[in-house]
N, C-alpha and C. Protein backbone atom coordinates (compact mmCIF):
# COMPACT_ATOMS: atom_id res chain seq x y z
N MET A 1 42.94 41.26 -87.52
CA MET A 1 43.98 40.81 -86.62
C MET A 1 45.26 41.59 -86.90
N SER A 2 45.90 42.01 -85.83
CA SER A 2 47.14 42.77 -85.98
C SER A 2 48.25 41.86 -86.47
N THR A 3 49.05 42.38 -87.41
CA THR A 3 50.18 41.60 -87.89
C THR A 3 51.25 41.49 -86.83
N GLY A 4 51.17 42.32 -85.78
CA GLY A 4 52.14 42.24 -84.70
C GLY A 4 51.72 41.28 -83.60
N THR A 5 50.62 40.57 -83.81
CA THR A 5 50.11 39.64 -82.80
C THR A 5 50.51 38.22 -83.19
N ILE A 6 51.15 37.52 -82.26
CA ILE A 6 51.65 36.18 -82.55
C ILE A 6 51.26 35.22 -81.43
N ILE A 7 51.33 33.94 -81.73
CA ILE A 7 51.19 32.89 -80.74
C ILE A 7 52.52 32.17 -80.63
N ARG A 8 53.01 32.02 -79.43
CA ARG A 8 54.28 31.33 -79.19
C ARG A 8 54.18 30.48 -77.95
N LYS A 9 55.16 29.62 -77.75
CA LYS A 9 55.19 28.79 -76.55
C LYS A 9 55.37 29.65 -75.30
N ALA A 10 54.69 29.28 -74.25
CA ALA A 10 54.84 29.97 -72.96
C ALA A 10 56.16 29.58 -72.32
N THR A 11 56.73 30.50 -71.57
CA THR A 11 57.95 30.24 -70.82
C THR A 11 57.75 30.66 -69.37
N GLU A 12 58.65 30.25 -68.52
CA GLU A 12 58.57 30.63 -67.11
C GLU A 12 58.63 32.14 -66.92
N ALA A 13 59.33 32.82 -67.82
CA ALA A 13 59.43 34.28 -67.74
C ALA A 13 58.09 34.97 -67.95
N ASP A 14 57.11 34.25 -68.49
CA ASP A 14 55.80 34.83 -68.75
C ASP A 14 54.90 34.86 -67.52
N THR A 15 55.33 34.29 -66.41
CA THR A 15 54.42 34.10 -65.28
C THR A 15 53.78 35.39 -64.76
N PRO A 16 54.47 36.54 -64.70
CA PRO A 16 53.76 37.75 -64.25
C PRO A 16 52.58 38.11 -65.13
N SER A 17 52.74 37.94 -66.44
CA SER A 17 51.65 38.24 -67.37
C SER A 17 50.53 37.21 -67.26
N LEU A 18 50.88 35.94 -67.08
CA LEU A 18 49.86 34.91 -66.90
C LEU A 18 49.02 35.22 -65.67
N SER A 19 49.68 35.62 -64.59
CA SER A 19 48.98 35.95 -63.35
C SER A 19 48.04 37.14 -63.55
N ARG A 20 48.51 38.14 -64.25
CA ARG A 20 47.71 39.35 -64.48
C ARG A 20 46.47 39.02 -65.30
N ILE A 21 46.63 38.26 -66.37
CA ILE A 21 45.50 37.92 -67.23
C ILE A 21 44.50 37.05 -66.47
N CYS A 22 45.01 36.13 -65.67
CA CYS A 22 44.12 35.27 -64.89
C CYS A 22 43.26 36.11 -63.95
N LEU A 23 43.85 37.09 -63.28
CA LEU A 23 43.09 37.96 -62.39
C LEU A 23 42.05 38.76 -63.16
N PHE A 24 42.43 39.26 -64.33
CA PHE A 24 41.54 40.12 -65.11
C PHE A 24 40.38 39.36 -65.75
N THR A 25 40.39 38.02 -65.66
CA THR A 25 39.33 37.20 -66.25
C THR A 25 38.73 36.21 -65.25
N ALA A 26 39.11 36.32 -63.97
CA ALA A 26 38.80 35.27 -62.99
C ALA A 26 37.38 35.27 -62.48
N ASP A 27 36.62 36.33 -62.68
CA ASP A 27 35.25 36.39 -62.21
C ASP A 27 34.30 36.06 -63.35
N ALA A 28 34.24 34.78 -63.69
CA ALA A 28 33.38 34.31 -64.80
C ALA A 28 33.66 35.07 -66.09
N GLY A 29 34.94 35.32 -66.35
CA GLY A 29 35.34 36.01 -67.57
C GLY A 29 35.56 37.50 -67.39
N ASN A 30 35.21 38.03 -66.24
CA ASN A 30 35.39 39.45 -65.95
C ASN A 30 36.52 39.65 -64.94
N SER A 31 36.94 40.89 -64.77
CA SER A 31 38.02 41.18 -63.83
C SER A 31 37.60 40.87 -62.40
N ALA A 32 38.52 40.24 -61.67
CA ALA A 32 38.28 39.94 -60.25
C ALA A 32 39.13 40.82 -59.35
N GLU A 33 39.67 41.90 -59.89
CA GLU A 33 40.54 42.76 -59.09
C GLU A 33 39.86 43.23 -57.81
N HIS A 34 38.59 43.61 -57.91
CA HIS A 34 37.88 44.16 -56.77
C HIS A 34 37.56 43.11 -55.72
N LEU A 35 37.69 41.84 -56.07
CA LEU A 35 37.35 40.76 -55.15
C LEU A 35 38.52 40.33 -54.28
N HIS A 36 39.72 40.82 -54.61
CA HIS A 36 40.93 40.31 -53.96
C HIS A 36 41.81 41.41 -53.39
N ASP A 37 42.36 41.16 -52.21
CA ASP A 37 43.51 41.90 -51.73
C ASP A 37 44.79 41.23 -52.20
N PHE A 38 44.71 39.92 -52.39
CA PHE A 38 45.83 39.13 -52.87
C PHE A 38 45.54 38.74 -54.33
N GLY A 39 45.80 39.68 -55.22
CA GLY A 39 45.43 39.49 -56.61
C GLY A 39 46.19 38.40 -57.32
N GLU A 40 47.27 37.93 -56.72
CA GLU A 40 48.06 36.86 -57.33
C GLU A 40 47.43 35.48 -57.16
N LEU A 41 46.45 35.35 -56.27
CA LEU A 41 45.94 34.02 -55.94
C LEU A 41 45.30 33.28 -57.12
N PRO A 42 44.42 33.90 -57.91
CA PRO A 42 43.86 33.13 -59.03
C PRO A 42 44.92 32.54 -59.95
N GLY A 43 45.92 33.34 -60.27
CA GLY A 43 46.98 32.87 -61.14
C GLY A 43 47.81 31.76 -60.53
N LEU A 44 48.04 31.83 -59.22
CA LEU A 44 48.83 30.79 -58.56
C LEU A 44 48.13 29.44 -58.58
N LEU A 45 46.81 29.45 -58.70
CA LEU A 45 46.07 28.19 -58.78
C LEU A 45 45.86 27.73 -60.22
N TYR A 46 45.57 28.67 -61.14
CA TYR A 46 45.06 28.26 -62.44
C TYR A 46 45.90 28.68 -63.65
N ALA A 47 47.03 29.33 -63.44
CA ALA A 47 47.84 29.75 -64.59
C ALA A 47 49.32 29.51 -64.36
N VAL A 48 49.87 30.11 -63.33
CA VAL A 48 51.32 30.06 -63.09
C VAL A 48 51.87 28.64 -62.97
N PRO A 49 51.16 27.70 -62.33
CA PRO A 49 51.74 26.35 -62.22
C PRO A 49 52.14 25.74 -63.55
N TYR A 50 51.41 26.07 -64.59
CA TYR A 50 51.66 25.43 -65.89
C TYR A 50 52.94 25.94 -66.55
N ALA A 51 53.44 27.07 -66.08
CA ALA A 51 54.73 27.57 -66.57
C ALA A 51 55.86 27.21 -65.62
N LYS A 52 55.52 26.71 -64.45
CA LYS A 52 56.53 26.42 -63.43
C LYS A 52 56.75 24.94 -63.19
N ILE A 53 55.66 24.16 -63.24
CA ILE A 53 55.76 22.74 -62.92
C ILE A 53 56.28 21.97 -64.13
N PRO A 54 57.34 21.20 -63.96
CA PRO A 54 57.95 20.53 -65.11
C PRO A 54 57.22 19.28 -65.58
N VAL A 55 56.26 18.80 -64.78
CA VAL A 55 55.63 17.51 -65.08
C VAL A 55 54.43 17.70 -66.01
N THR A 56 54.55 17.26 -67.24
CA THR A 56 53.46 17.15 -68.23
C THR A 56 52.85 18.47 -68.67
N CYS A 57 53.38 19.61 -68.24
CA CYS A 57 52.73 20.88 -68.53
C CYS A 57 53.18 21.47 -69.87
N TRP A 58 52.31 22.26 -70.45
CA TRP A 58 52.58 22.91 -71.73
C TRP A 58 51.78 24.22 -71.76
N GLY A 59 52.11 25.09 -72.69
CA GLY A 59 51.34 26.32 -72.80
C GLY A 59 51.75 27.15 -74.01
N PHE A 60 50.81 27.99 -74.44
CA PHE A 60 51.05 28.94 -75.53
C PHE A 60 50.48 30.29 -75.09
N VAL A 61 51.14 31.35 -75.50
CA VAL A 61 50.66 32.69 -75.18
C VAL A 61 50.37 33.47 -76.46
N LEU A 62 49.43 34.38 -76.33
CA LEU A 62 49.11 35.33 -77.38
C LEU A 62 49.81 36.63 -77.05
N GLU A 63 50.66 37.09 -77.95
CA GLU A 63 51.50 38.25 -77.68
C GLU A 63 51.25 39.32 -78.74
N ASP A 64 50.98 40.53 -78.30
CA ASP A 64 50.74 41.65 -79.21
C ASP A 64 51.77 42.75 -78.93
N GLN A 65 52.64 42.98 -79.89
CA GLN A 65 53.66 44.01 -79.76
C GLN A 65 54.45 43.85 -78.46
N GLY A 66 54.77 42.62 -78.12
CA GLY A 66 55.57 42.34 -76.94
C GLY A 66 54.79 42.18 -75.66
N GLU A 67 53.48 42.44 -75.67
CA GLU A 67 52.64 42.30 -74.48
C GLU A 67 51.81 41.03 -74.57
N ILE A 68 51.84 40.23 -73.53
CA ILE A 68 51.05 39.01 -73.50
C ILE A 68 49.61 39.36 -73.14
N VAL A 69 48.68 38.94 -74.01
CA VAL A 69 47.28 39.33 -73.86
C VAL A 69 46.34 38.13 -73.76
N GLY A 70 46.89 36.93 -73.79
CA GLY A 70 46.07 35.74 -73.67
C GLY A 70 46.95 34.51 -73.56
N TYR A 71 46.32 33.41 -73.17
CA TYR A 71 47.08 32.16 -73.05
C TYR A 71 46.17 30.96 -73.13
N VAL A 72 46.76 29.83 -73.49
CA VAL A 72 46.16 28.52 -73.27
C VAL A 72 47.24 27.68 -72.61
N LEU A 73 46.88 27.09 -71.48
CA LEU A 73 47.82 26.35 -70.66
C LEU A 73 47.19 25.03 -70.26
N GLY A 74 48.01 24.03 -69.99
CA GLY A 74 47.41 22.77 -69.56
C GLY A 74 48.42 21.73 -69.19
N SER A 75 47.90 20.56 -68.92
CA SER A 75 48.71 19.38 -68.62
C SER A 75 48.29 18.24 -69.53
N ALA A 76 49.26 17.52 -70.02
CA ALA A 76 48.98 16.36 -70.86
C ALA A 76 48.60 15.14 -70.03
N ASP A 77 48.85 15.20 -68.73
CA ASP A 77 48.50 14.09 -67.84
C ASP A 77 48.03 14.69 -66.51
N THR A 78 46.73 14.87 -66.39
CA THR A 78 46.17 15.58 -65.24
C THR A 78 46.51 14.93 -63.92
N ARG A 79 46.42 13.61 -63.83
CA ARG A 79 46.70 12.94 -62.56
C ARG A 79 48.17 13.11 -62.16
N ALA A 80 49.09 13.08 -63.12
CA ALA A 80 50.50 13.30 -62.80
C ALA A 80 50.71 14.73 -62.33
N PHE A 81 50.03 15.68 -62.97
CA PHE A 81 50.10 17.08 -62.56
C PHE A 81 49.57 17.24 -61.14
N GLU A 82 48.43 16.66 -60.86
CA GLU A 82 47.84 16.77 -59.53
C GLU A 82 48.76 16.18 -58.46
N SER A 83 49.37 15.05 -58.77
CA SER A 83 50.25 14.40 -57.81
C SER A 83 51.47 15.27 -57.50
N TYR A 84 52.07 15.82 -58.55
CA TYR A 84 53.25 16.66 -58.35
C TYR A 84 52.87 17.93 -57.58
N ALA A 85 51.77 18.56 -57.98
CA ALA A 85 51.37 19.81 -57.34
C ALA A 85 51.03 19.59 -55.88
N SER A 86 50.40 18.47 -55.56
CA SER A 86 50.01 18.22 -54.17
C SER A 86 51.22 18.07 -53.26
N GLU A 87 52.33 17.65 -53.84
CA GLU A 87 53.55 17.46 -53.04
C GLU A 87 54.47 18.68 -53.06
N HIS A 88 54.54 19.35 -54.23
CA HIS A 88 55.57 20.37 -54.40
C HIS A 88 55.05 21.80 -54.59
N TRP A 89 53.81 21.95 -55.10
CA TRP A 89 53.33 23.30 -55.43
C TRP A 89 52.40 23.87 -54.36
N TRP A 90 51.38 23.12 -53.99
CA TRP A 90 50.39 23.65 -53.04
C TRP A 90 50.93 23.84 -51.63
N PRO A 91 51.71 22.92 -51.07
CA PRO A 91 52.12 23.08 -49.66
C PRO A 91 52.85 24.38 -49.34
N PRO A 92 53.86 24.80 -50.11
CA PRO A 92 54.52 26.07 -49.76
C PRO A 92 53.59 27.27 -49.91
N LEU A 93 52.67 27.21 -50.86
CA LEU A 93 51.71 28.30 -51.02
C LEU A 93 50.71 28.32 -49.87
N ALA A 94 50.31 27.14 -49.42
CA ALA A 94 49.40 27.07 -48.28
C ALA A 94 50.04 27.68 -47.03
N GLU A 95 51.33 27.45 -46.88
CA GLU A 95 52.05 28.03 -45.75
C GLU A 95 52.16 29.54 -45.88
N LYS A 96 52.35 30.02 -47.09
CA LYS A 96 52.52 31.46 -47.33
C LYS A 96 51.20 32.21 -47.19
N TYR A 97 50.08 31.55 -47.53
CA TYR A 97 48.78 32.21 -47.54
C TYR A 97 47.79 31.52 -46.60
N PRO A 98 47.97 31.65 -45.29
CA PRO A 98 46.97 31.07 -44.37
C PRO A 98 45.66 31.84 -44.46
N PRO A 99 44.53 31.16 -44.37
CA PRO A 99 43.23 31.84 -44.48
C PRO A 99 43.04 32.97 -43.47
N SER A 100 43.79 32.94 -42.39
CA SER A 100 43.67 34.01 -41.39
C SER A 100 44.07 35.37 -41.95
N LEU A 101 44.81 35.37 -43.07
CA LEU A 101 45.20 36.64 -43.69
C LEU A 101 44.06 37.28 -44.47
N ALA A 102 43.07 36.48 -44.83
CA ALA A 102 42.04 36.94 -45.76
C ALA A 102 41.03 37.86 -45.08
N LYS A 103 40.72 38.96 -45.76
CA LYS A 103 39.65 39.86 -45.34
C LYS A 103 38.49 39.86 -46.33
N LYS A 104 38.74 39.29 -47.51
CA LYS A 104 37.70 39.20 -48.53
C LYS A 104 37.37 37.74 -48.79
N PRO A 105 36.09 37.42 -49.02
CA PRO A 105 35.68 36.02 -49.23
C PRO A 105 36.43 35.31 -50.36
N ALA A 106 36.71 36.01 -51.44
CA ALA A 106 37.40 35.35 -52.56
C ALA A 106 38.80 34.93 -52.17
N ASP A 107 39.50 35.80 -51.42
CA ASP A 107 40.84 35.42 -50.95
C ASP A 107 40.77 34.22 -50.02
N GLU A 108 39.78 34.22 -49.12
CA GLU A 108 39.65 33.09 -48.21
C GLU A 108 39.36 31.80 -48.97
N ARG A 109 38.51 31.88 -50.00
CA ARG A 109 38.19 30.69 -50.78
C ARG A 109 39.43 30.12 -51.47
N TYR A 110 40.21 30.99 -52.07
CA TYR A 110 41.43 30.51 -52.74
C TYR A 110 42.45 29.98 -51.74
N MET A 111 42.59 30.65 -50.59
CA MET A 111 43.54 30.18 -49.58
C MET A 111 43.14 28.82 -49.04
N ASN A 112 41.85 28.58 -48.92
CA ASN A 112 41.39 27.26 -48.49
C ASN A 112 41.64 26.21 -49.57
N LEU A 113 41.49 26.60 -50.83
CA LEU A 113 41.78 25.67 -51.91
C LEU A 113 43.25 25.22 -51.89
N LEU A 114 44.14 26.11 -51.52
CA LEU A 114 45.56 25.73 -51.43
C LEU A 114 45.77 24.60 -50.43
N ARG A 115 44.86 24.46 -49.49
CA ARG A 115 44.94 23.40 -48.48
C ARG A 115 44.17 22.16 -48.88
N ASN A 116 43.29 22.30 -49.83
CA ASN A 116 42.47 21.16 -50.25
C ASN A 116 42.05 21.37 -51.70
N MET A 117 43.03 21.35 -52.58
CA MET A 117 42.76 21.64 -53.98
C MET A 117 41.92 20.54 -54.61
N HIS A 118 40.89 20.95 -55.33
CA HIS A 118 40.03 19.96 -55.98
C HIS A 118 40.82 19.20 -57.04
N THR A 119 40.42 17.98 -57.27
CA THR A 119 41.02 17.15 -58.32
C THR A 119 39.96 16.83 -59.36
N ALA A 120 40.42 16.43 -60.52
CA ALA A 120 39.51 16.18 -61.63
C ALA A 120 38.62 14.97 -61.36
N PRO A 121 37.34 15.05 -61.73
CA PRO A 121 36.47 13.87 -61.62
C PRO A 121 36.98 12.73 -62.50
N ASP A 122 36.74 11.52 -62.06
CA ASP A 122 37.18 10.35 -62.83
C ASP A 122 36.59 10.35 -64.24
N VAL A 123 35.37 10.86 -64.39
CA VAL A 123 34.75 10.86 -65.71
C VAL A 123 35.52 11.75 -66.67
N ASN A 124 36.11 12.81 -66.18
CA ASN A 124 36.93 13.66 -67.03
C ASN A 124 38.17 12.91 -67.50
N ILE A 125 38.81 12.21 -66.57
CA ILE A 125 40.03 11.47 -66.90
C ILE A 125 39.71 10.34 -67.88
N ALA A 126 38.53 9.75 -67.72
CA ALA A 126 38.12 8.69 -68.65
C ALA A 126 37.96 9.26 -70.06
N PHE A 127 37.52 10.52 -70.15
CA PHE A 127 37.39 11.16 -71.46
C PHE A 127 38.76 11.48 -72.03
N SER A 128 39.62 12.08 -71.25
CA SER A 128 40.99 12.39 -71.66
C SER A 128 41.83 12.68 -70.43
N LYS A 129 43.09 12.29 -70.48
CA LYS A 129 43.98 12.60 -69.36
C LYS A 129 44.46 14.05 -69.40
N ALA A 130 44.20 14.76 -70.50
CA ALA A 130 44.69 16.12 -70.68
C ALA A 130 43.61 17.15 -70.38
N HIS A 131 44.02 18.28 -69.78
CA HIS A 131 43.10 19.39 -69.55
C HIS A 131 43.78 20.70 -69.93
N LEU A 132 42.97 21.75 -70.05
CA LEU A 132 43.52 23.06 -70.39
C LEU A 132 42.76 24.18 -69.68
N HIS A 133 43.41 25.34 -69.66
CA HIS A 133 42.80 26.61 -69.25
C HIS A 133 43.11 27.62 -70.35
N ILE A 134 42.13 28.43 -70.70
CA ILE A 134 42.35 29.47 -71.70
C ILE A 134 41.72 30.78 -71.22
N ASP A 135 42.48 31.86 -71.32
CA ASP A 135 41.98 33.18 -70.97
C ASP A 135 42.57 34.21 -71.93
N ILE A 136 41.75 35.15 -72.35
CA ILE A 136 42.17 36.22 -73.26
C ILE A 136 41.59 37.53 -72.74
N LEU A 137 42.39 38.58 -72.76
CA LEU A 137 41.88 39.87 -72.33
C LEU A 137 40.73 40.31 -73.23
N PRO A 138 39.74 41.00 -72.68
CA PRO A 138 38.52 41.34 -73.44
C PRO A 138 38.78 42.02 -74.77
N LYS A 139 39.77 42.88 -74.85
CA LYS A 139 40.05 43.61 -76.09
C LYS A 139 40.37 42.68 -77.25
N TYR A 140 40.86 41.48 -76.93
CA TYR A 140 41.29 40.55 -77.97
C TYR A 140 40.31 39.40 -78.17
N GLN A 141 39.19 39.44 -77.47
CA GLN A 141 38.18 38.41 -77.64
C GLN A 141 37.32 38.72 -78.87
N GLY A 142 36.73 37.68 -79.42
CA GLY A 142 35.84 37.84 -80.56
C GLY A 142 36.55 38.14 -81.86
N LYS A 143 37.85 37.89 -81.92
CA LYS A 143 38.64 38.19 -83.12
C LYS A 143 39.33 36.95 -83.69
N GLY A 144 38.94 35.80 -83.17
CA GLY A 144 39.50 34.55 -83.70
C GLY A 144 40.73 34.05 -82.99
N TRP A 145 41.22 34.80 -82.00
CA TRP A 145 42.44 34.37 -81.33
C TRP A 145 42.20 33.19 -80.41
N GLY A 146 41.04 33.11 -79.81
CA GLY A 146 40.74 31.97 -78.97
C GLY A 146 40.78 30.67 -79.75
N ARG A 147 40.18 30.69 -80.92
CA ARG A 147 40.21 29.51 -81.78
C ARG A 147 41.65 29.14 -82.14
N LYS A 148 42.45 30.14 -82.46
CA LYS A 148 43.85 29.88 -82.83
C LYS A 148 44.65 29.30 -81.67
N LEU A 149 44.38 29.79 -80.45
CA LEU A 149 45.06 29.23 -79.29
C LEU A 149 44.66 27.77 -79.07
N ILE A 150 43.36 27.48 -79.19
CA ILE A 150 42.92 26.09 -79.05
C ILE A 150 43.54 25.23 -80.15
N GLU A 151 43.62 25.74 -81.35
CA GLU A 151 44.24 24.99 -82.44
C GLU A 151 45.70 24.67 -82.13
N ALA A 152 46.42 25.63 -81.54
CA ALA A 152 47.82 25.39 -81.16
C ALA A 152 47.90 24.31 -80.09
N ALA A 153 46.97 24.34 -79.14
CA ALA A 153 46.95 23.33 -78.09
C ALA A 153 46.65 21.95 -78.67
N VAL A 154 45.66 21.87 -79.55
CA VAL A 154 45.29 20.59 -80.14
C VAL A 154 46.44 20.03 -80.97
N GLU A 155 47.07 20.88 -81.75
CA GLU A 155 48.20 20.42 -82.57
C GLU A 155 49.31 19.85 -81.69
N TYR A 156 49.60 20.54 -80.59
CA TYR A 156 50.64 20.04 -79.69
C TYR A 156 50.23 18.71 -79.08
N LEU A 157 49.02 18.63 -78.56
CA LEU A 157 48.59 17.40 -77.90
C LEU A 157 48.54 16.22 -78.86
N LYS A 158 48.11 16.48 -80.08
CA LYS A 158 48.14 15.41 -81.09
C LYS A 158 49.57 14.93 -81.33
N SER A 159 50.52 15.85 -81.29
CA SER A 159 51.92 15.50 -81.58
C SER A 159 52.50 14.58 -80.51
N ILE A 160 51.90 14.56 -79.32
CA ILE A 160 52.37 13.66 -78.27
C ILE A 160 51.34 12.55 -78.01
N ASN A 161 50.51 12.31 -79.03
CA ASN A 161 49.59 11.17 -79.03
C ASN A 161 48.51 11.24 -77.95
N VAL A 162 48.03 12.45 -77.69
CA VAL A 162 46.87 12.64 -76.83
C VAL A 162 45.66 12.85 -77.75
N ALA A 163 44.56 12.17 -77.46
CA ALA A 163 43.44 12.12 -78.40
C ALA A 163 42.28 13.04 -78.04
N GLY A 164 42.42 13.82 -76.97
CA GLY A 164 41.34 14.71 -76.59
C GLY A 164 41.78 15.59 -75.43
N VAL A 165 40.93 16.53 -75.07
CA VAL A 165 41.25 17.43 -73.96
C VAL A 165 39.94 17.92 -73.35
N TRP A 166 39.97 18.24 -72.08
CA TRP A 166 38.78 18.77 -71.43
C TRP A 166 39.11 20.07 -70.70
N VAL A 167 38.07 20.80 -70.37
CA VAL A 167 38.21 22.07 -69.68
C VAL A 167 37.14 22.18 -68.61
N GLY A 168 37.53 22.69 -67.45
CA GLY A 168 36.56 23.02 -66.42
C GLY A 168 36.22 24.50 -66.52
N MET A 169 34.97 24.84 -66.31
CA MET A 169 34.57 26.24 -66.50
C MET A 169 33.53 26.64 -65.47
N ASP A 170 33.44 27.94 -65.26
CA ASP A 170 32.43 28.51 -64.38
C ASP A 170 31.10 28.51 -65.15
N PRO A 171 30.08 27.84 -64.64
CA PRO A 171 28.80 27.79 -65.37
C PRO A 171 28.19 29.16 -65.64
N ARG A 172 28.61 30.16 -64.86
CA ARG A 172 28.09 31.52 -65.07
C ARG A 172 28.63 32.14 -66.36
N ASN A 173 29.74 31.60 -66.85
CA ASN A 173 30.41 32.21 -68.00
C ASN A 173 29.78 31.70 -69.30
N VAL A 174 28.65 32.29 -69.66
CA VAL A 174 27.90 31.81 -70.83
C VAL A 174 28.66 32.09 -72.13
N ASN A 175 29.46 33.13 -72.16
CA ASN A 175 30.25 33.42 -73.37
C ASN A 175 31.29 32.35 -73.61
N ALA A 176 31.91 31.88 -72.53
CA ALA A 176 32.90 30.81 -72.66
C ALA A 176 32.23 29.53 -73.14
N ARG A 177 31.06 29.23 -72.59
CA ARG A 177 30.35 28.03 -73.03
C ARG A 177 30.05 28.08 -74.53
N ALA A 178 29.58 29.22 -74.99
CA ALA A 178 29.27 29.37 -76.41
C ALA A 178 30.52 29.21 -77.26
N PHE A 179 31.64 29.73 -76.78
CA PHE A 179 32.92 29.60 -77.49
C PHE A 179 33.31 28.14 -77.62
N TYR A 180 33.26 27.40 -76.52
CA TYR A 180 33.65 25.99 -76.56
C TYR A 180 32.71 25.20 -77.47
N GLU A 181 31.43 25.50 -77.40
CA GLU A 181 30.48 24.77 -78.24
C GLU A 181 30.77 25.01 -79.72
N ARG A 182 31.12 26.23 -80.08
CA ARG A 182 31.45 26.52 -81.49
C ARG A 182 32.65 25.71 -81.97
N LEU A 183 33.55 25.39 -81.05
CA LEU A 183 34.75 24.64 -81.41
C LEU A 183 34.55 23.13 -81.35
N GLY A 184 33.35 22.70 -80.94
CA GLY A 184 33.05 21.28 -80.92
C GLY A 184 33.16 20.61 -79.57
N PHE A 185 33.39 21.37 -78.51
CA PHE A 185 33.41 20.80 -77.17
C PHE A 185 31.99 20.36 -76.79
N LYS A 186 31.92 19.26 -76.06
CA LYS A 186 30.64 18.73 -75.58
C LYS A 186 30.70 18.58 -74.07
N VAL A 187 29.54 18.69 -73.42
CA VAL A 187 29.47 18.48 -71.99
C VAL A 187 29.85 17.04 -71.67
N ILE A 188 30.67 16.87 -70.64
CA ILE A 188 31.05 15.52 -70.19
C ILE A 188 30.68 15.38 -68.72
N GLY A 189 30.35 14.18 -68.34
CA GLY A 189 30.07 13.91 -66.94
C GLY A 189 28.74 14.42 -66.45
N GLY A 190 27.89 14.88 -67.37
CA GLY A 190 26.57 15.32 -66.96
C GLY A 190 26.54 16.61 -66.18
N THR A 191 27.63 17.37 -66.19
CA THR A 191 27.66 18.64 -65.48
C THR A 191 28.09 19.75 -66.43
N GLU A 192 27.48 20.90 -66.29
CA GLU A 192 27.78 22.02 -67.16
C GLU A 192 29.17 22.61 -66.89
N SER A 193 29.83 22.15 -65.84
CA SER A 193 31.13 22.70 -65.49
C SER A 193 32.28 22.08 -66.27
N ASN A 194 32.02 20.99 -66.99
CA ASN A 194 33.10 20.31 -67.70
C ASN A 194 32.71 20.04 -69.15
N MET A 195 33.62 20.39 -70.06
CA MET A 195 33.39 20.15 -71.48
C MET A 195 34.64 19.54 -72.10
N GLY A 196 34.45 18.66 -73.07
CA GLY A 196 35.57 17.97 -73.68
C GLY A 196 35.55 18.02 -75.18
N LEU A 197 36.73 17.94 -75.76
CA LEU A 197 36.89 17.92 -77.21
C LEU A 197 37.70 16.69 -77.60
N ALA A 198 37.09 15.82 -78.41
CA ALA A 198 37.79 14.65 -78.94
C ALA A 198 38.39 15.05 -80.29
N PHE A 199 39.66 14.74 -80.49
CA PHE A 199 40.34 15.13 -81.72
C PHE A 199 39.99 14.16 -82.84
N VAL A 200 39.88 14.70 -84.03
CA VAL A 200 39.57 13.91 -85.21
C VAL A 200 40.66 14.12 -86.24
N GLY A 201 41.12 13.02 -86.82
CA GLY A 201 42.10 13.14 -87.89
C GLY A 201 43.52 13.24 -87.35
N PRO A 202 44.50 13.25 -88.30
CA PRO A 202 45.91 13.25 -87.90
C PRO A 202 46.32 14.57 -87.28
């Protein structure tokens, strides 16, 4: 691990980097650049809100020599996040990105999501009200940074008396599944798309 690589709290100023990393990992862990004309869309749904929305959101970034190369982002209260986003975040984006603009299926899919964003299953909320997203550029994967980012997230959530966290994932991303399993995440809700981690100890 490089001594110039650090983990710090995410800030709103990090949003361009969060968007870039989200795009570069949005196709089941691989770059989705070729799938989009509007490359900002994945980040606007799954990364940027957590640095912009003031309600219950938190985040940490992995920074190497001043360049952000990974992140873990989330909400400590998913239902509160969903409620705020449905009123304040998704509507202006839906207006900006009508599906009629899309020429590629991935853009159309994301633009439609802005009009009808999925919400967390009740079984996930029963497991924990908190959720997260984590993405790291390929060059920095397999070096222990993912574990360290999750540890930073867990430490923060414990500090605000949250006892667990869950993550939604693309079932095609077998490397991500193996990563979560190594950290103790278990399938929740009977679907391979959702995994949860219950915290143990102080």
